[in-house]
């Protein structure tokens, strides 16, 4: 096996090991710091930062709270209904989405046009989900993220470039995930850093039941604004 093939085989093996580990964890919680880059018409690159907490219970429950500079958004999914609350606007919307977390991610993207770019890592089988669209994969050696030594992988699809740093050792979880939109002007990136990783009995109990604030108003999903990391006023004009 030549060096290039060995590099690719090792990268695939590391990605598969991460995927198998994630699938084996039925209860997970972690914190995320994310940065969404945008490039203006004047070619100025800006970064929008937010922080989130996430708890999931496979196969069909998830609870996310994201706090950013423009809005605080909560998402709760109990296997039957997904609820999204804009806490600042005191508005929430609900939709019937029976099934797994995998189905929820696909529905948010395809039906409700919520991109959830890092949600690929929440899939039941990350490796099988991602490999069909990957055209190349490389093992770039080691890197250190928040003091944790990681395996650093890079892979490409026809639409974007990806990098992932996977914690070495018995818990190979993703410490950093970066997506580069190579087709867009300025090649903006979306980066997620994962901290406070917990599994099993380490995870605080969550009933995954949405509790509407007393002053919140329910609206239709299409009427719920500013729940993405890119606020509406940053849209293309």
Foldseek 3Di string as FASTA:
>chain_A
DDPQVVFQVVQLVLLQVQQVLLLVFQKKKWKKKKWWWDADPVRDIDIWIKIKIKIGGPWWWIWMWIDGPPWIWIWFTDQFKIKIAGVVVLEMEMDTQHDGPVSVQVCCCPPVVANPPVCCLVDSGSSVVPVVFWPGKGFPQWDADPNFIFTWMWTDGPFWIKIWTFGDDDNGHTQKIKIFGPVDPPRIMMMMGIDPIDGDPVDDDDPSDDDRDPRHYYDHSVPDADPHSDHPVNDDD
